[in-house]
N, C-alpha and C. Protein backbone atom coordinates (compact mmCIF):
# COMPACT_ATOMS: atom_id res chain seq x y z
N MET A 1 27.07 -3.38 28.45
CA MET A 1 25.63 -3.27 28.61
C MET A 1 25.00 -2.79 27.30
N ILE A 2 23.85 -3.27 27.03
CA ILE A 2 23.10 -2.87 25.84
C ILE A 2 22.65 -1.43 25.99
N GLY A 3 22.66 -0.69 24.87
CA GLY A 3 22.16 0.68 24.87
C GLY A 3 20.73 0.72 24.37
N TYR A 4 20.14 1.91 24.39
CA TYR A 4 18.78 2.04 23.88
C TYR A 4 18.61 3.35 23.14
N ARG A 5 17.57 3.37 22.32
CA ARG A 5 17.16 4.62 21.67
C ARG A 5 15.65 4.61 21.51
N LEU A 6 15.09 5.79 21.52
CA LEU A 6 13.65 5.96 21.37
C LEU A 6 13.37 6.42 19.94
N ILE A 7 12.42 5.79 19.27
CA ILE A 7 11.99 6.34 17.99
C ILE A 7 11.18 7.60 18.30
N ASN A 8 11.03 8.47 17.31
CA ASN A 8 10.39 9.76 17.53
C ASN A 8 9.02 9.68 18.20
N PRO A 9 8.12 8.81 17.75
CA PRO A 9 6.82 8.75 18.43
C PRO A 9 6.94 8.39 19.91
N ALA A 10 7.86 7.52 20.26
CA ALA A 10 8.06 7.15 21.67
C ALA A 10 8.62 8.34 22.45
N ALA A 11 9.55 9.05 21.86
CA ALA A 11 10.10 10.24 22.51
C ALA A 11 9.00 11.28 22.74
N ASN A 12 8.11 11.43 21.78
CA ASN A 12 6.99 12.36 21.94
C ASN A 12 6.04 11.90 23.04
N GLU A 13 5.77 10.60 23.12
CA GLU A 13 4.91 10.07 24.18
C GLU A 13 5.55 10.30 25.55
N LEU A 14 6.85 10.10 25.64
CA LEU A 14 7.56 10.31 26.90
C LEU A 14 7.47 11.77 27.32
N ALA A 15 7.70 12.67 26.39
CA ALA A 15 7.62 14.10 26.71
C ALA A 15 6.21 14.50 27.12
N GLN A 16 5.22 13.99 26.43
CA GLN A 16 3.84 14.33 26.74
C GLN A 16 3.43 13.80 28.12
N ALA A 17 3.78 12.57 28.42
CA ALA A 17 3.45 11.99 29.73
C ALA A 17 4.16 12.76 30.84
N THR A 18 5.42 13.09 30.63
CA THR A 18 6.18 13.84 31.63
C THR A 18 5.53 15.19 31.89
N GLU A 19 5.15 15.87 30.83
CA GLU A 19 4.51 17.18 30.96
C GLU A 19 3.16 17.07 31.68
N THR A 20 2.39 16.05 31.33
CA THR A 20 1.09 15.85 31.98
C THR A 20 1.26 15.65 33.48
N TYR A 21 2.20 14.81 33.88
CA TYR A 21 2.42 14.57 35.30
C TYR A 21 2.98 15.81 36.00
N GLU A 22 3.86 16.53 35.34
CA GLU A 22 4.44 17.73 35.95
C GLU A 22 3.36 18.81 36.13
N ASN A 23 2.45 18.91 35.17
CA ASN A 23 1.36 19.87 35.30
C ASN A 23 0.39 19.47 36.41
N ALA A 24 0.26 18.18 36.66
CA ALA A 24 -0.63 17.71 37.73
C ALA A 24 -0.05 18.01 39.11
N SER A 25 1.27 17.87 39.25
CA SER A 25 1.92 18.11 40.54
C SER A 25 3.41 18.33 40.30
N VAL A 26 3.92 19.44 40.80
CA VAL A 26 5.33 19.77 40.61
C VAL A 26 6.19 18.63 41.16
N GLY A 27 7.09 18.14 40.33
CA GLY A 27 8.00 17.06 40.71
C GLY A 27 7.53 15.69 40.24
N LEU A 28 6.23 15.55 39.95
CA LEU A 28 5.72 14.25 39.52
C LEU A 28 6.24 13.88 38.13
N GLY A 29 6.45 14.86 37.28
CA GLY A 29 7.03 14.60 35.97
C GLY A 29 8.44 14.02 36.09
N GLN A 30 9.22 14.57 37.03
CA GLN A 30 10.56 14.04 37.26
C GLN A 30 10.50 12.63 37.83
N ASP A 31 9.52 12.38 38.71
CA ASP A 31 9.34 11.03 39.24
C ASP A 31 9.06 10.04 38.11
N PHE A 32 8.23 10.46 37.14
CA PHE A 32 7.93 9.61 35.99
C PHE A 32 9.21 9.33 35.20
N LEU A 33 10.00 10.37 34.94
CA LEU A 33 11.26 10.17 34.21
C LEU A 33 12.23 9.27 34.96
N ASP A 34 12.28 9.42 36.28
CA ASP A 34 13.16 8.57 37.09
C ASP A 34 12.75 7.11 36.97
N GLU A 35 11.43 6.86 37.03
CA GLU A 35 10.98 5.46 36.90
C GLU A 35 11.25 4.94 35.49
N PHE A 36 11.06 5.78 34.49
CA PHE A 36 11.35 5.39 33.11
C PHE A 36 12.83 5.01 32.97
N ASP A 37 13.71 5.84 33.52
CA ASP A 37 15.15 5.56 33.44
C ASP A 37 15.51 4.24 34.14
N ALA A 38 14.92 4.01 35.31
CA ALA A 38 15.18 2.76 36.03
C ALA A 38 14.68 1.57 35.22
N ALA A 39 13.50 1.72 34.60
CA ALA A 39 12.94 0.65 33.78
C ALA A 39 13.87 0.32 32.62
N LEU A 40 14.41 1.35 31.97
CA LEU A 40 15.32 1.10 30.84
C LEU A 40 16.60 0.43 31.29
N GLU A 41 17.06 0.72 32.50
CA GLU A 41 18.24 0.02 33.01
C GLU A 41 17.95 -1.48 33.14
N TYR A 42 16.78 -1.82 33.71
CA TYR A 42 16.39 -3.23 33.82
C TYR A 42 16.28 -3.88 32.44
N ILE A 43 15.62 -3.19 31.52
CA ILE A 43 15.42 -3.73 30.18
C ILE A 43 16.77 -3.98 29.50
N CYS A 44 17.68 -3.03 29.63
CA CYS A 44 18.99 -3.19 28.99
C CYS A 44 19.81 -4.31 29.63
N LEU A 45 19.64 -4.53 30.93
CA LEU A 45 20.36 -5.61 31.60
C LEU A 45 19.79 -6.98 31.27
N MET A 46 18.46 -7.05 31.13
CA MET A 46 17.78 -8.33 30.90
C MET A 46 16.70 -8.17 29.83
N PRO A 47 17.07 -7.92 28.60
CA PRO A 47 16.08 -7.58 27.57
C PRO A 47 15.06 -8.68 27.26
N ASP A 48 15.40 -9.92 27.55
CA ASP A 48 14.48 -11.02 27.25
C ASP A 48 13.59 -11.40 28.43
N ALA A 49 13.67 -10.66 29.51
CA ALA A 49 12.96 -11.04 30.73
C ALA A 49 11.47 -10.71 30.72
N TRP A 50 11.04 -9.80 29.84
CA TRP A 50 9.66 -9.36 29.89
C TRP A 50 8.81 -9.97 28.79
N HIS A 51 7.54 -9.90 29.01
CA HIS A 51 6.52 -10.56 28.19
C HIS A 51 6.62 -10.17 26.71
N MET A 52 6.67 -11.18 25.85
CA MET A 52 6.64 -10.95 24.41
C MET A 52 5.19 -10.73 24.00
N ILE A 53 4.95 -9.65 23.24
CA ILE A 53 3.58 -9.34 22.82
C ILE A 53 3.39 -9.48 21.32
N ASP A 54 4.47 -9.65 20.61
CA ASP A 54 4.42 -9.81 19.16
C ASP A 54 5.72 -10.50 18.77
N ASN A 55 5.90 -10.75 17.49
CA ASN A 55 7.10 -11.48 17.05
C ASN A 55 8.39 -10.93 17.63
N ASP A 56 8.59 -9.63 17.55
CA ASP A 56 9.85 -9.04 17.99
C ASP A 56 9.69 -8.08 19.17
N PHE A 57 8.50 -7.85 19.64
CA PHE A 57 8.25 -6.80 20.62
C PHE A 57 7.97 -7.37 22.00
N ARG A 58 8.45 -6.65 23.01
CA ARG A 58 8.22 -7.00 24.41
C ARG A 58 7.62 -5.80 25.13
N ARG A 59 7.03 -6.09 26.31
CA ARG A 59 6.37 -5.04 27.08
C ARG A 59 6.85 -5.10 28.53
N TYR A 60 7.27 -3.95 29.02
CA TYR A 60 7.64 -3.78 30.42
C TYR A 60 6.61 -2.86 31.06
N HIS A 61 5.94 -3.31 32.13
CA HIS A 61 4.97 -2.48 32.83
C HIS A 61 5.70 -1.66 33.89
N MET A 62 5.52 -0.34 33.82
CA MET A 62 6.07 0.51 34.88
C MET A 62 5.27 0.25 36.16
N HIS A 63 5.90 0.44 37.30
CA HIS A 63 5.27 0.08 38.57
C HIS A 63 4.36 1.17 39.12
N ARG A 64 4.82 2.37 39.19
CA ARG A 64 4.07 3.45 39.83
C ARG A 64 3.07 4.11 38.89
N PHE A 65 3.35 4.09 37.63
CA PHE A 65 2.54 4.81 36.64
C PHE A 65 1.90 3.81 35.69
N PRO A 66 0.71 4.14 35.16
CA PRO A 66 0.00 3.19 34.29
C PRO A 66 0.51 3.22 32.84
N TYR A 67 1.79 2.97 32.69
CA TYR A 67 2.43 2.98 31.38
C TYR A 67 3.21 1.69 31.17
N SER A 68 3.29 1.30 29.91
CA SER A 68 4.14 0.20 29.50
C SER A 68 5.16 0.72 28.51
N ILE A 69 6.32 0.12 28.54
CA ILE A 69 7.37 0.43 27.56
C ILE A 69 7.38 -0.72 26.57
N ILE A 70 7.10 -0.39 25.32
CA ILE A 70 7.11 -1.38 24.24
C ILE A 70 8.46 -1.25 23.54
N TYR A 71 9.16 -2.37 23.40
CA TYR A 71 10.51 -2.31 22.83
C TYR A 71 10.81 -3.59 22.06
N ARG A 72 11.89 -3.50 21.28
CA ARG A 72 12.41 -4.67 20.59
C ARG A 72 13.93 -4.59 20.61
N LYS A 73 14.56 -5.74 20.49
CA LYS A 73 16.02 -5.77 20.39
C LYS A 73 16.41 -5.62 18.93
N ASP A 74 17.49 -4.89 18.71
CA ASP A 74 18.07 -4.73 17.38
C ASP A 74 19.58 -4.82 17.55
N GLY A 75 20.11 -6.01 17.43
CA GLY A 75 21.54 -6.21 17.66
C GLY A 75 21.86 -5.93 19.12
N ASP A 76 22.74 -4.97 19.35
CA ASP A 76 23.12 -4.59 20.72
C ASP A 76 22.33 -3.41 21.24
N ASP A 77 21.23 -3.09 20.60
CA ASP A 77 20.41 -1.95 21.02
C ASP A 77 19.00 -2.40 21.37
N ILE A 78 18.39 -1.63 22.26
CA ILE A 78 16.97 -1.72 22.55
C ILE A 78 16.31 -0.55 21.84
N ILE A 79 15.33 -0.84 21.03
CA ILE A 79 14.59 0.21 20.32
C ILE A 79 13.24 0.36 21.02
N VAL A 80 13.03 1.51 21.65
CA VAL A 80 11.77 1.78 22.33
C VAL A 80 10.82 2.36 21.29
N THR A 81 9.71 1.66 21.07
CA THR A 81 8.77 2.08 20.04
C THR A 81 7.55 2.79 20.61
N SER A 82 7.28 2.61 21.92
CA SER A 82 6.14 3.28 22.52
C SER A 82 6.29 3.34 24.03
N ILE A 83 5.88 4.47 24.60
CA ILE A 83 5.67 4.61 26.03
C ILE A 83 4.15 4.65 26.12
N PHE A 84 3.55 3.52 26.38
CA PHE A 84 2.14 3.26 26.11
C PHE A 84 1.29 3.37 27.37
N HIS A 85 0.34 4.31 27.37
CA HIS A 85 -0.59 4.40 28.51
C HIS A 85 -1.50 3.18 28.48
N GLN A 86 -1.62 2.51 29.58
CA GLN A 86 -2.32 1.23 29.63
C GLN A 86 -3.84 1.34 29.48
N HIS A 87 -4.37 2.56 29.46
CA HIS A 87 -5.81 2.73 29.26
C HIS A 87 -6.15 3.02 27.79
N ARG A 88 -5.15 3.03 26.92
CA ARG A 88 -5.40 3.17 25.49
C ARG A 88 -5.85 1.83 24.92
N LYS A 89 -6.36 1.87 23.71
CA LYS A 89 -6.72 0.62 23.04
C LYS A 89 -5.47 -0.26 22.98
N PRO A 90 -5.59 -1.53 23.35
CA PRO A 90 -4.41 -2.39 23.54
C PRO A 90 -3.46 -2.47 22.36
N ASN A 91 -3.93 -2.44 21.15
CA ASN A 91 -3.03 -2.60 20.00
C ASN A 91 -2.73 -1.32 19.26
N SER A 92 -3.12 -0.16 19.81
CA SER A 92 -2.90 1.09 19.09
C SER A 92 -1.41 1.44 18.98
N TRP A 93 -0.55 0.86 19.82
CA TRP A 93 0.89 1.11 19.72
C TRP A 93 1.44 0.62 18.38
N ARG A 94 0.78 -0.35 17.78
CA ARG A 94 1.28 -0.92 16.52
C ARG A 94 1.26 0.08 15.38
N SER A 95 0.39 1.06 15.45
CA SER A 95 0.26 2.03 14.35
C SER A 95 1.41 3.01 14.30
N ILE A 96 2.27 3.05 15.33
CA ILE A 96 3.35 4.04 15.35
C ILE A 96 4.73 3.42 15.18
N GLN A 97 4.81 2.16 14.87
CA GLN A 97 6.11 1.50 14.73
C GLN A 97 6.92 2.17 13.70
């Protein structure tokens, strides 16, 4: 199975979103992490299954939360470049690559 890694800005976005949800309701942050983990399992199993948004980048929409995972393949790895809140400006994820 393909592995994955988060670049620092994506890791920071993940931590911030988790904290925001946990502060809103105890346990909701963990629910967000659980959905993120499940999403990465799908992405690693079928990396080409989701919508291409740029030359090398794809987007997976999380189901319960208004976030997208922006990623690209790099050999046998998935590189997560953004955990993107869907209410942000659509192309602002590009500035953190």
